[in-house]
Amino acid sequence: MHSVLPAGTGYTSLDLSAKFLRPILADTGPLRAIGTVINRGRRTALANAELRDSTDRLLAHATSSCMLFPTDA
């Protein structure tokens, strides 16, 4: 979320949902995390995250909605 907000804008989580689909073991190998802001409005934003292994299997998935607010930055 932070990377798409202008200076002087803060955020806090309204909700967070995570699903762990496969175990991550010592021999799982390199992991790749992909984060995407799905929608950014004036007061709220929605983000999505995925965790994948080196063969592109989905290991975990999460979504979060956030409230946006001005800060004193």
Protein backbone atom coordinates (compact mmCIF):
# COMPACT_ATOMS: atom_id res chain seq x y z
CA MET A 1 0.00 0.00 0.00
CA HIS A 2 2.70 2.43 1.06
CA SER A 3 4.36 2.59 -2.37
CA VAL A 4 1.28 4.04 -4.13
CA LEU A 5 0.33 6.69 -1.56
CA PRO A 6 1.42 10.33 -1.81
CA ALA A 7 3.54 11.89 0.95
CA GLY A 8 1.41 12.91 3.90
CA THR A 9 -0.97 9.94 3.60
CA GLY A 10 -1.08 7.24 6.25
CA TYR A 11 -3.06 4.01 6.43
CA THR A 12 -4.28 1.41 8.89
CA SER A 13 -5.81 -2.03 8.38
CA LEU A 14 -9.57 -2.38 8.40
CA ASP A 15 -9.34 -6.14 7.84
CA LEU A 16 -6.79 -8.76 6.89
CA SER A 17 -7.42 -12.28 5.61
CA ALA A 18 -4.65 -14.81 4.99
CA LYS A 19 -4.90 -18.35 3.60
CA PHE A 20 -1.95 -20.73 3.91
CA LEU A 21 -2.31 -23.31 1.15
CA ARG A 22 0.91 -25.36 1.27
CA PRO A 23 3.63 -25.84 3.88
CA ILE A 24 6.93 -23.99 3.58
CA LEU A 25 9.76 -26.30 4.58
CA ALA A 26 13.54 -25.90 4.80
CA ASP A 27 13.89 -27.46 1.33
CA THR A 28 11.09 -25.45 -0.33
CA GLY A 29 13.71 -23.24 -1.99
CA PRO A 30 13.43 -19.61 -3.07
CA LEU A 31 10.11 -17.86 -2.53
CA ARG A 32 8.57 -14.95 -4.41
CA ALA A 33 6.14 -12.46 -2.85
CA ILE A 34 3.87 -10.42 -5.13
CA GLY A 35 1.87 -7.50 -3.74
CA THR A 36 -0.76 -5.61 -5.72
CA VAL A 37 -2.96 -2.66 -4.87
CA ILE A 38 -6.28 -3.65 -6.43
CA ASN A 39 -8.17 -0.43 -5.78
CA ARG A 40 -7.31 2.92 -4.20
CA GLY A 41 -10.07 5.36 -3.42
CA ARG A 42 -10.16 8.59 -1.43
CA ARG A 43 -10.69 6.93 1.96
CA THR A 44 -10.03 3.21 1.51
CA ALA A 45 -7.77 0.89 -0.48
CA LEU A 46 -7.69 -2.84 -1.18
CA ALA A 47 -4.49 -4.88 -1.56
CA ASN A 48 -3.72 -8.47 -2.53
CA ALA A 49 -0.59 -10.56 -1.83
CA GLU A 50 0.63 -13.95 -3.04
CA LEU A 51 3.54 -16.13 -1.95
CA ARG A 52 4.84 -18.53 -4.61
CA ASP A 53 7.64 -21.09 -4.81
CA SER A 54 10.24 -21.46 -7.57
CA THR A 55 7.85 -23.59 -9.66
CA ASP A 56 5.15 -20.87 -9.37
CA ARG A 57 2.93 -22.90 -7.00
CA LEU A 58 0.76 -20.70 -4.81
CA LEU A 59 1.74 -21.21 -1.15
CA ALA A 60 -0.26 -18.43 0.52
CA HIS A 61 -2.72 -15.71 -0.41
CA ALA A 62 -3.85 -12.62 1.52
CA THR A 63 -6.11 -9.60 1.09
CA SER A 64 -6.32 -6.44 3.15
CA SER A 65 -8.50 -3.38 3.11
CA CYS A 66 -7.07 -0.20 4.60
CA MET A 67 -8.37 3.16 5.70
CA LEU A 68 -6.41 6.12 4.32
CA PHE A 69 -5.91 9.34 6.31
CA PRO A 70 -3.79 12.52 6.21
CA THR A 71 -0.69 12.71 8.43
CA ASP A 72 1.51 15.56 9.63
CA ALA A 73 4.42 14.47 7.39
